[in-house]
All heavy atoms as atom14 arrays in JSON, in Angstrom:
{
  "sequence": "TAMQALALARQWCPDVVVLDVSLRDGDRGYTVLRSLTHLCPNCEV",
  "atom14_mask": [
    [1, 1, 1, 1, 1, 1, 1, 0, 0, 0, 0, 0, 0, 0],
    [1, 1, 1, 1, 1, 0, 0, 0, 0, 0, 0, 0, 0, 0],
    [1, 1, 1, 1, 1, 1, 1, 1, 0, 0, 0, 0, 0, 0],
    [1, 1, 1, 1, 1, 1, 1, 1, 1, 0, 0, 0, 0, 0],
    [1, 1, 1, 1, 1, 0, 0, 0, 0, 0, 0, 0, 0, 0],
    [1, 1, 1, 1, 1, 1, 1, 1, 0, 0, 0, 0, 0, 0],
    [1, 1, 1, 1, 1, 0, 0, 0, 0, 0, 0, 0, 0, 0],
    [1, 1, 1, 1, 1, 1, 1, 1, 0, 0, 0, 0, 0, 0],
    [1, 1, 1, 1, 1, 0, 0, 0, 0, 0, 0, 0, 0, 0],
    [1, 1, 1, 1, 1, 1, 1, 1, 1, 1, 1, 0, 0, 0],
    [1, 1, 1, 1, 1, 1, 1, 1, 1, 0, 0, 0, 0, 0],
    [1, 1, 1, 1, 1, 1, 1, 1, 1, 1, 1, 1, 1, 1],
    [1, 1, 1, 1, 1, 1, 0, 0, 0, 0, 0, 0, 0, 0],
    [1, 1, 1, 1, 1, 1, 1, 0, 0, 0, 0, 0, 0, 0],
    [1, 1, 1, 1, 1, 1, 1, 1, 0, 0, 0, 0, 0, 0],
    [1, 1, 1, 1, 1, 1, 1, 0, 0, 0, 0, 0, 0, 0],
    [1, 1, 1, 1, 1, 1, 1, 0, 0, 0, 0, 0, 0, 0],
    [1, 1, 1, 1, 1, 1, 1, 0, 0, 0, 0, 0, 0, 0],
    [1, 1, 1, 1, 1, 1, 1, 1, 0, 0, 0, 0, 0, 0],
    [1, 1, 1, 1, 1, 1, 1, 1, 0, 0, 0, 0, 0, 0],
    [1, 1, 1, 1, 1, 1, 1, 0, 0, 0, 0, 0, 0, 0],
    [1, 1, 1, 1, 1, 1, 0, 0, 0, 0, 0, 0, 0, 0],
    [1, 1, 1, 1, 1, 1, 1, 1, 0, 0, 0, 0, 0, 0],
    [1, 1, 1, 1, 1, 1, 1, 1, 1, 1, 1, 0, 0, 0],
    [1, 1, 1, 1, 1, 1, 1, 1, 0, 0, 0, 0, 0, 0],
    [1, 1, 1, 1, 0, 0, 0, 0, 0, 0, 0, 0, 0, 0],
    [1, 1, 1, 1, 1, 1, 1, 1, 0, 0, 0, 0, 0, 0],
    [1, 1, 1, 1, 1, 1, 1, 1, 1, 1, 1, 0, 0, 0],
    [1, 1, 1, 1, 0, 0, 0, 0, 0, 0, 0, 0, 0, 0],
    [1, 1, 1, 1, 1, 1, 1, 1, 1, 1, 1, 1, 0, 0],
    [1, 1, 1, 1, 1, 1, 1, 0, 0, 0, 0, 0, 0, 0],
    [1, 1, 1, 1, 1, 1, 1, 0, 0, 0, 0, 0, 0, 0],
    [1, 1, 1, 1, 1, 1, 1, 1, 0, 0, 0, 0, 0, 0],
    [1, 1, 1, 1, 1, 1, 1, 1, 1, 1, 1, 0, 0, 0],
    [1, 1, 1, 1, 1, 1, 0, 0, 0, 0, 0, 0, 0, 0],
    [1, 1, 1, 1, 1, 1, 1, 1, 0, 0, 0, 0, 0, 0],
    [1, 1, 1, 1, 1, 1, 1, 0, 0, 0, 0, 0, 0, 0],
    [1, 1, 1, 1, 1, 1, 1, 1, 1, 1, 0, 0, 0, 0],
    [1, 1, 1, 1, 1, 1, 1, 1, 0, 0, 0, 0, 0, 0],
    [1, 1, 1, 1, 1, 1, 0, 0, 0, 0, 0, 0, 0, 0],
    [1, 1, 1, 1, 1, 1, 1, 0, 0, 0, 0, 0, 0, 0],
    [1, 1, 1, 1, 1, 1, 1, 1, 0, 0, 0, 0, 0, 0],
    [1, 1, 1, 1, 1, 1, 0, 0, 0, 0, 0, 0, 0, 0],
    [1, 1, 1, 1, 1, 1, 1, 1, 1, 0, 0, 0, 0, 0],
    [1, 1, 1, 1, 1, 1, 1, 0, 0, 0, 0, 0, 0, 0]
  ],
  "atom14_positions": [
    [[227.92, 219.53, 57.44], [227.15, 219.81, 58.66], [227.15, 218.59, 59.57], [227.43, 217.47, 59.13], [225.69, 220.16, 58.33], [225.04, 219.0, 57.79], [225.58, 221.33, 57.35], [0.0, 0.0, 0.0], [0.0, 0.0, 0.0], [0.0, 0.0, 0.0], [0.0, 0.0, 0.0], [0.0, 0.0, 0.0], [0.0, 0.0, 0.0], [0.0, 0.0, 0.0]],
    [[226.8, 218.82, 60.82], [226.7, 217.73, 61.78], [225.65, 216.72, 61.35], [225.88, 215.51, 61.43], [226.38, 218.29, 63.17], [0.0, 0.0, 0.0], [0.0, 0.0, 0.0], [0.0, 0.0, 0.0], [0.0, 0.0, 0.0], [0.0, 0.0, 0.0], [0.0, 0.0, 0.0], [0.0, 0.0, 0.0], [0.0, 0.0, 0.0], [0.0, 0.0, 0.0]],
    [[224.52, 217.18, 60.86], [223.45, 216.27, 60.44], [223.91, 215.36, 59.29], [223.68, 214.15, 59.33], [222.21, 217.08, 60.02], [221.04, 216.21, 59.6], [219.66, 217.2, 59.01], [218.78, 217.42, 60.52], [0.0, 0.0, 0.0], [0.0, 0.0, 0.0], [0.0, 0.0, 0.0], [0.0, 0.0, 0.0], [0.0, 0.0, 0.0], [0.0, 0.0, 0.0]],
    [[224.56, 215.93, 58.3], [225.1, 215.14, 57.19], [226.14, 214.14, 57.69], [226.16, 212.99, 57.27], [225.74, 216.04, 56.14], [224.8, 216.88, 55.35], [225.55, 217.89, 54.46], [226.75, 218.11, 54.62], [224.83, 218.5, 53.54], [0.0, 0.0, 0.0], [0.0, 0.0, 0.0], [0.0, 0.0, 0.0], [0.0, 0.0, 0.0], [0.0, 0.0, 0.0]],
    [[227.01, 214.6, 58.6], [228.08, 213.75, 59.12], [227.51, 212.52, 59.81], [227.96, 211.4, 59.58], [228.94, 214.54, 60.08], [0.0, 0.0, 0.0], [0.0, 0.0, 0.0], [0.0, 0.0, 0.0], [0.0, 0.0, 0.0], [0.0, 0.0, 0.0], [0.0, 0.0, 0.0], [0.0, 0.0, 0.0], [0.0, 0.0, 0.0], [0.0, 0.0, 0.0]],
    [[226.51, 212.72, 60.64], [225.94, 211.6, 61.39], [225.17, 210.64, 60.48], [225.21, 209.43, 60.69], [225.07, 212.12, 62.53], [225.87, 212.92, 63.57], [224.93, 213.49, 64.63], [226.98, 212.09, 64.19], [0.0, 0.0, 0.0], [0.0, 0.0, 0.0], [0.0, 0.0, 0.0], [0.0, 0.0, 0.0], [0.0, 0.0, 0.0], [0.0, 0.0, 0.0]],
    [[224.51, 211.18, 59.46], [223.83, 210.31, 58.5], [224.83, 209.44, 57.75], [224.61, 208.23, 57.59], [223.0, 211.15, 57.52], [0.0, 0.0, 0.0], [0.0, 0.0, 0.0], [0.0, 0.0, 0.0], [0.0, 0.0, 0.0], [0.0, 0.0, 0.0], [0.0, 0.0, 0.0], [0.0, 0.0, 0.0], [0.0, 0.0, 0.0], [0.0, 0.0, 0.0]],
    [[225.93, 210.02, 57.31], [226.97, 209.25, 56.61], [227.66, 208.26, 57.54], [228.0, 207.15, 57.14], [227.99, 210.19, 55.96], [227.5, 210.92, 54.71], [228.49, 212.0, 54.29], [227.26, 209.94, 53.57], [0.0, 0.0, 0.0], [0.0, 0.0, 0.0], [0.0, 0.0, 0.0], [0.0, 0.0, 0.0], [0.0, 0.0, 0.0], [0.0, 0.0, 0.0]],
    [[227.85, 208.65, 58.79], [228.47, 207.73, 59.75], [227.58, 206.52, 59.99], [228.06, 205.39, 60.07], [228.75, 208.46, 61.06], [0.0, 0.0, 0.0], [0.0, 0.0, 0.0], [0.0, 0.0, 0.0], [0.0, 0.0, 0.0], [0.0, 0.0, 0.0], [0.0, 0.0, 0.0], [0.0, 0.0, 0.0], [0.0, 0.0, 0.0], [0.0, 0.0, 0.0]],
    [[226.27, 206.75, 60.08], [225.33, 205.62, 60.24], [225.4, 204.7, 59.02], [225.36, 203.48, 59.16], [223.9, 206.13, 60.39], [223.54, 206.55, 61.77], [222.06, 206.93, 61.87], [221.85, 207.75, 63.03], [221.88, 209.08, 63.05], [222.1, 209.76, 61.95], [221.7, 209.73, 64.18], [0.0, 0.0, 0.0], [0.0, 0.0, 0.0], [0.0, 0.0, 0.0]],
    [[225.49, 205.29, 57.86], [225.49, 204.51, 56.62], [226.78, 203.7, 56.45], [226.73, 202.54, 56.07], [225.33, 205.46, 55.43], [225.36, 204.77, 54.09], [225.22, 205.77, 52.93], [224.97, 206.95, 53.12], [225.42, 205.27, 51.73], [0.0, 0.0, 0.0], [0.0, 0.0, 0.0], [0.0, 0.0, 0.0], [0.0, 0.0, 0.0], [0.0, 0.0, 0.0]],
    [[227.93, 204.3, 56.75], [229.21, 203.69, 56.42], [229.98, 203.13, 57.61], [230.89, 202.33, 57.43], [230.12, 204.7, 55.7], [229.65, 204.99, 54.33], [228.94, 206.09, 53.92], [229.83, 204.19, 53.18], [228.68, 206.01, 52.58], [229.23, 204.85, 52.09], [230.47, 202.97, 52.94], [229.23, 204.33, 50.81], [230.47, 202.45, 51.66], [229.86, 203.13, 50.61]],
    [[229.7, 203.59, 58.82], [230.47, 203.23, 60.01], [231.98, 203.27, 59.68], [232.66, 202.25, 59.66], [230.06, 201.88, 60.57], [230.55, 201.71, 62.29], [0.0, 0.0, 0.0], [0.0, 0.0, 0.0], [0.0, 0.0, 0.0], [0.0, 0.0, 0.0], [0.0, 0.0, 0.0], [0.0, 0.0, 0.0], [0.0, 0.0, 0.0], [0.0, 0.0, 0.0]],
    [[232.5, 204.47, 59.41], [233.89, 204.6, 58.97], [234.9, 204.2, 60.04], [234.58, 204.19, 61.23], [234.01, 206.1, 58.64], [232.97, 206.74, 59.48], [231.84, 205.76, 59.59], [0.0, 0.0, 0.0], [0.0, 0.0, 0.0], [0.0, 0.0, 0.0], [0.0, 0.0, 0.0], [0.0, 0.0, 0.0], [0.0, 0.0, 0.0], [0.0, 0.0, 0.0]],
    [[236.1, 203.89, 59.59], [237.2, 203.58, 60.49], [237.82, 204.85, 61.05], [238.28, 204.88, 62.19], [238.27, 202.78, 59.75], [237.71, 201.5, 59.16], [237.16, 200.69, 59.93], [237.78, 201.34, 57.92], [0.0, 0.0, 0.0], [0.0, 0.0, 0.0], [0.0, 0.0, 0.0], [0.0, 0.0, 0.0], [0.0, 0.0, 0.0], [0.0, 0.0, 0.0]],
    [[237.85, 205.9, 60.21], [238.43, 207.19, 60.58], [237.49, 208.29, 60.12], [236.97, 208.24, 59.01], [239.83, 207.4, 59.94], [240.34, 208.81, 60.16], [240.83, 206.37, 60.47], [0.0, 0.0, 0.0], [0.0, 0.0, 0.0], [0.0, 0.0, 0.0], [0.0, 0.0, 0.0], [0.0, 0.0, 0.0], [0.0, 0.0, 0.0], [0.0, 0.0, 0.0]],
    [[237.3, 209.28, 60.99], [236.56, 210.49, 60.62], [237.5, 211.67, 60.8], [238.1, 211.84, 61.86], [235.3, 210.68, 61.49], [234.64, 212.03, 61.18], [234.32, 209.54, 61.27], [0.0, 0.0, 0.0], [0.0, 0.0, 0.0], [0.0, 0.0, 0.0], [0.0, 0.0, 0.0], [0.0, 0.0, 0.0], [0.0, 0.0, 0.0], [0.0, 0.0, 0.0]],
    [[237.64, 212.46, 59.74], [238.36, 213.72, 59.82], [237.29, 214.76, 60.11], [236.37, 214.96, 59.32], [239.09, 214.06, 58.5], [239.79, 215.4, 58.61], [240.07, 212.96, 58.13], [0.0, 0.0, 0.0], [0.0, 0.0, 0.0], [0.0, 0.0, 0.0], [0.0, 0.0, 0.0], [0.0, 0.0, 0.0], [0.0, 0.0, 0.0], [0.0, 0.0, 0.0]],
    [[237.37, 215.41, 61.28], [236.3, 216.28, 61.76], [236.81, 217.7, 61.97], [237.73, 217.93, 62.75], [235.75, 215.71, 63.07], [234.65, 216.48, 63.79], [233.44, 216.71, 62.89], [234.25, 215.74, 65.06], [0.0, 0.0, 0.0], [0.0, 0.0, 0.0], [0.0, 0.0, 0.0], [0.0, 0.0, 0.0], [0.0, 0.0, 0.0], [0.0, 0.0, 0.0]],
    [[236.18, 218.62, 61.28], [236.47, 220.04, 61.46], [235.94, 220.48, 62.83], [234.87, 220.05, 63.25], [235.78, 220.83, 60.35], [236.14, 222.3, 60.31], [236.98, 222.75, 61.09], [235.56, 223.01, 59.47], [0.0, 0.0, 0.0], [0.0, 0.0, 0.0], [0.0, 0.0, 0.0], [0.0, 0.0, 0.0], [0.0, 0.0, 0.0], [0.0, 0.0, 0.0]],
    [[236.67, 221.31, 63.5], [236.28, 221.78, 64.83], [235.05, 222.69, 64.75], [234.18, 222.65, 65.6], [237.46, 222.51, 65.51], [237.01, 223.32, 66.7], [238.51, 221.51, 65.91], [0.0, 0.0, 0.0], [0.0, 0.0, 0.0], [0.0, 0.0, 0.0], [0.0, 0.0, 0.0], [0.0, 0.0, 0.0], [0.0, 0.0, 0.0], [0.0, 0.0, 0.0]],
    [[234.95, 223.48, 63.7], [233.84, 224.44, 63.57], [233.11, 224.2, 62.26], [233.65, 224.47, 61.19], [234.4, 225.86, 63.62], [233.37, 226.79, 63.52], [0.0, 0.0, 0.0], [0.0, 0.0, 0.0], [0.0, 0.0, 0.0], [0.0, 0.0, 0.0], [0.0, 0.0, 0.0], [0.0, 0.0, 0.0], [0.0, 0.0, 0.0], [0.0, 0.0, 0.0]],
    [[231.88, 223.71, 62.36], [231.1, 223.4, 61.15], [230.16, 224.54, 60.78], [229.82, 225.38, 61.61], [230.32, 222.1, 61.37], [231.18, 220.87, 61.61], [230.3, 219.68, 61.97], [232.03, 220.57, 60.39], [0.0, 0.0, 0.0], [0.0, 0.0, 0.0], [0.0, 0.0, 0.0], [0.0, 0.0, 0.0], [0.0, 0.0, 0.0], [0.0, 0.0, 0.0]],
    [[229.73, 224.51, 59.56], [228.89, 225.56, 59.0], [227.6, 225.77, 59.78], [227.1, 226.87, 59.9], [228.56, 225.19, 57.54], [227.86, 226.28, 56.79], [227.82, 225.96, 55.33], [229.17, 226.06, 54.79], [229.56, 225.58, 53.64], [228.71, 224.94, 52.89], [230.79, 225.73, 53.22], [0.0, 0.0, 0.0], [0.0, 0.0, 0.0], [0.0, 0.0, 0.0]],
    [[227.04, 224.71, 60.33], [225.77, 224.83, 61.04], [225.94, 225.29, 62.49], [225.01, 225.25, 63.28], [224.98, 223.52, 60.99], [225.76, 222.33, 61.55], [226.91, 222.49, 61.99], [225.21, 221.22, 61.52], [0.0, 0.0, 0.0], [0.0, 0.0, 0.0], [0.0, 0.0, 0.0], [0.0, 0.0, 0.0], [0.0, 0.0, 0.0], [0.0, 0.0, 0.0]],
    [[227.14, 225.77, 62.82], [227.39, 226.32, 64.14], [227.88, 225.3, 65.16], [228.22, 225.67, 66.28], [0.0, 0.0, 0.0], [0.0, 0.0, 0.0], [0.0, 0.0, 0.0], [0.0, 0.0, 0.0], [0.0, 0.0, 0.0], [0.0, 0.0, 0.0], [0.0, 0.0, 0.0], [0.0, 0.0, 0.0], [0.0, 0.0, 0.0], [0.0, 0.0, 0.0]],
    [[227.96, 224.04, 64.8], [228.43, 223.03, 65.72], [229.94, 223.13, 65.86], [230.65, 223.3, 64.88], [228.03, 221.63, 65.22], [228.41, 220.56, 66.22], [227.63, 220.33, 67.15], [229.49, 219.98, 66.05], [0.0, 0.0, 0.0], [0.0, 0.0, 0.0], [0.0, 0.0, 0.0], [0.0, 0.0, 0.0], [0.0, 0.0, 0.0], [0.0, 0.0, 0.0]],
    [[230.44, 223.0, 67.06], [231.87, 223.03, 67.31], [232.52, 221.67, 67.1], [233.67, 221.48, 67.42], [232.15, 223.52, 68.72], [232.14, 225.0, 68.84], [233.52, 225.54, 68.49], [233.57, 226.95, 68.76], [234.1, 227.81, 67.93], [234.59, 227.43, 66.79], [234.13, 229.07, 68.24], [0.0, 0.0, 0.0], [0.0, 0.0, 0.0], [0.0, 0.0, 0.0]],
    [[231.8, 220.72, 66.62], [232.36, 219.4, 66.4], [232.14, 218.46, 67.58], [232.22, 217.25, 67.43], [0.0, 0.0, 0.0], [0.0, 0.0, 0.0], [0.0, 0.0, 0.0], [0.0, 0.0, 0.0], [0.0, 0.0, 0.0], [0.0, 0.0, 0.0], [0.0, 0.0, 0.0], [0.0, 0.0, 0.0], [0.0, 0.0, 0.0], [0.0, 0.0, 0.0]],
    [[231.85, 219.03, 68.75], [231.64, 218.18, 69.93], [230.43, 217.27, 69.77], [230.47, 216.11, 70.17], [231.46, 219.03, 71.2], [232.74, 219.59, 71.74], [233.0, 220.95, 71.67], [233.69, 218.76, 72.33], [234.18, 221.48, 72.18], [234.87, 219.28, 72.83], [235.11, 220.63, 72.75], [236.28, 221.15, 73.24], [0.0, 0.0, 0.0], [0.0, 0.0, 0.0]],
    [[229.37, 217.79, 69.17], [228.16, 216.99, 68.97], [228.48, 215.77, 68.11], [228.09, 214.65, 68.44], [227.05, 217.82, 68.3], [226.79, 218.96, 69.11], [225.79, 217.01, 68.1], [0.0, 0.0, 0.0], [0.0, 0.0, 0.0], [0.0, 0.0, 0.0], [0.0, 0.0, 0.0], [0.0, 0.0, 0.0], [0.0, 0.0, 0.0], [0.0, 0.0, 0.0]],
    [[229.17, 216.0, 67.03], [229.53, 214.9, 66.13], [230.46, 213.92, 66.84], [230.25, 212.71, 66.8], [230.18, 215.42, 64.82], [230.64, 214.27, 63.95], [229.2, 216.31, 64.06], [0.0, 0.0, 0.0], [0.0, 0.0, 0.0], [0.0, 0.0, 0.0], [0.0, 0.0, 0.0], [0.0, 0.0, 0.0], [0.0, 0.0, 0.0], [0.0, 0.0, 0.0]],
    [[231.46, 214.44, 67.52], [232.41, 213.59, 68.24], [231.7, 212.71, 69.26], [231.91, 211.5, 69.31], [233.48, 214.45, 68.92], [234.56, 213.72, 69.7], [235.32, 212.74, 68.82], [235.52, 214.73, 70.33], [0.0, 0.0, 0.0], [0.0, 0.0, 0.0], [0.0, 0.0, 0.0], [0.0, 0.0, 0.0], [0.0, 0.0, 0.0], [0.0, 0.0, 0.0]],
    [[230.84, 213.3, 70.07], [230.1, 212.53, 71.08], [229.21, 211.48, 70.43], [229.12, 210.35, 70.9], [229.27, 213.46, 71.95], [230.08, 214.14, 73.01], [229.18, 214.89, 73.98], [229.82, 216.13, 74.34], [229.44, 217.34, 73.96], [228.37, 217.49, 73.22], [230.1, 218.39, 74.33], [0.0, 0.0, 0.0], [0.0, 0.0, 0.0], [0.0, 0.0, 0.0]],
    [[228.53, 211.86, 69.37], [227.62, 210.93, 68.7], [228.36, 209.78, 68.04], [227.87, 208.66, 68.03], [226.79, 211.67, 67.65], [225.97, 212.64, 68.27], [0.0, 0.0, 0.0], [0.0, 0.0, 0.0], [0.0, 0.0, 0.0], [0.0, 0.0, 0.0], [0.0, 0.0, 0.0], [0.0, 0.0, 0.0], [0.0, 0.0, 0.0], [0.0, 0.0, 0.0]],
    [[229.55, 210.05, 67.51], [230.33, 208.99, 66.87], [230.74, 207.9, 67.84], [230.84, 206.73, 67.46], [231.57, 209.57, 66.18], [231.32, 210.34, 64.9], [232.6, 211.05, 64.45], [230.79, 209.44, 63.81], [0.0, 0.0, 0.0], [0.0, 0.0, 0.0], [0.0, 0.0, 0.0], [0.0, 0.0, 0.0], [0.0, 0.0, 0.0], [0.0, 0.0, 0.0]],
    [[230.96, 208.25, 69.09], [231.34, 207.24, 70.07], [230.23, 206.21, 70.26], [230.51, 205.06, 70.61], [231.72, 207.86, 71.43], [230.6, 208.56, 71.96], [232.9, 208.8, 71.29], [0.0, 0.0, 0.0], [0.0, 0.0, 0.0], [0.0, 0.0, 0.0], [0.0, 0.0, 0.0], [0.0, 0.0, 0.0], [0.0, 0.0, 0.0], [0.0, 0.0, 0.0]],
    [[228.99, 206.6, 70.0], [227.86, 205.67, 70.12], [227.55, 204.99, 68.79], [227.26, 203.8, 68.76], [226.61, 206.4, 70.63], [226.82, 207.02, 71.97], [226.96, 206.28, 73.13], [226.95, 208.31, 72.35], [227.15, 207.09, 74.15], [227.16, 208.32, 73.71], [0.0, 0.0, 0.0], [0.0, 0.0, 0.0], [0.0, 0.0, 0.0], [0.0, 0.0, 0.0]],
    [[227.61, 205.76, 67.7], [227.29, 205.2, 66.38], [228.35, 204.23, 65.88], [228.03, 203.19, 65.31], [227.16, 206.33, 65.35], [225.93, 207.2, 65.42], [226.06, 208.36, 64.44], [224.69, 206.38, 65.12], [0.0, 0.0, 0.0], [0.0, 0.0, 0.0], [0.0, 0.0, 0.0], [0.0, 0.0, 0.0], [0.0, 0.0, 0.0], [0.0, 0.0, 0.0]],
    [[229.59, 204.6, 66.03], [230.72, 203.83, 65.5], [231.81, 203.76, 66.58], [232.81, 204.49, 66.51], [231.29, 204.48, 64.25], [230.09, 204.83, 62.98], [0.0, 0.0, 0.0], [0.0, 0.0, 0.0], [0.0, 0.0, 0.0], [0.0, 0.0, 0.0], [0.0, 0.0, 0.0], [0.0, 0.0, 0.0], [0.0, 0.0, 0.0], [0.0, 0.0, 0.0]],
    [[231.62, 202.92, 67.59], [232.53, 202.92, 68.74], [233.98, 202.62, 68.4], [234.88, 203.0, 69.16], [231.94, 201.87, 69.67], [230.94, 201.11, 68.88], [230.55, 201.94, 67.71], [0.0, 0.0, 0.0], [0.0, 0.0, 0.0], [0.0, 0.0, 0.0], [0.0, 0.0, 0.0], [0.0, 0.0, 0.0], [0.0, 0.0, 0.0], [0.0, 0.0, 0.0]],
    [[234.26, 201.97, 67.29], [235.64, 201.65, 66.92], [236.26, 202.69, 65.99], [237.41, 202.54, 65.57], [235.72, 200.27, 66.28], [235.32, 199.19, 67.27], [235.65, 199.26, 68.44], [234.58, 198.21, 66.8], [0.0, 0.0, 0.0], [0.0, 0.0, 0.0], [0.0, 0.0, 0.0], [0.0, 0.0, 0.0], [0.0, 0.0, 0.0], [0.0, 0.0, 0.0]],
    [[235.52, 203.72, 65.68], [235.98, 204.77, 64.78], [237.0, 205.67, 65.49], [236.84, 206.01, 66.66], [234.76, 205.6, 64.35], [235.16, 207.04, 63.4], [0.0, 0.0, 0.0], [0.0, 0.0, 0.0], [0.0, 0.0, 0.0], [0.0, 0.0, 0.0], [0.0, 0.0, 0.0], [0.0, 0.0, 0.0], [0.0, 0.0, 0.0], [0.0, 0.0, 0.0]],
    [[238.05, 206.04, 64.78], [239.02, 206.99, 65.29], [238.72, 208.35, 64.68], [238.49, 208.45, 63.47], [240.44, 206.57, 64.93], [240.88, 205.29, 65.62], [242.32, 204.97, 65.31], [242.57, 204.47, 64.2], [243.18, 205.22, 66.17], [0.0, 0.0, 0.0], [0.0, 0.0, 0.0], [0.0, 0.0, 0.0], [0.0, 0.0, 0.0], [0.0, 0.0, 0.0]],
    [[238.7, 209.38, 65.51], [238.39, 210.73, 65.04], [239.63, 211.59, 65.13], [240.28, 211.67, 66.17], [237.25, 211.36, 65.87], [236.95, 212.78, 65.38], [235.99, 210.49, 65.8], [0.0, 0.0, 0.0], [0.0, 0.0, 0.0], [0.0, 0.0, 0.0], [0.0, 0.0, 0.0], [0.0, 0.0, 0.0], [0.0, 0.0, 0.0], [0.0, 0.0, 0.0]]
  ]
}
């Protein structure tokens, strides 16, 4: 889910995120993508 993804991104600040376009919680991935640019600006998605 988007919520889990953002919690893990905050914890680990990954270098790469593999992101599904359509998540179980109804998010199209845009929310996660936009949030990652602020949480982990050097992360590649």
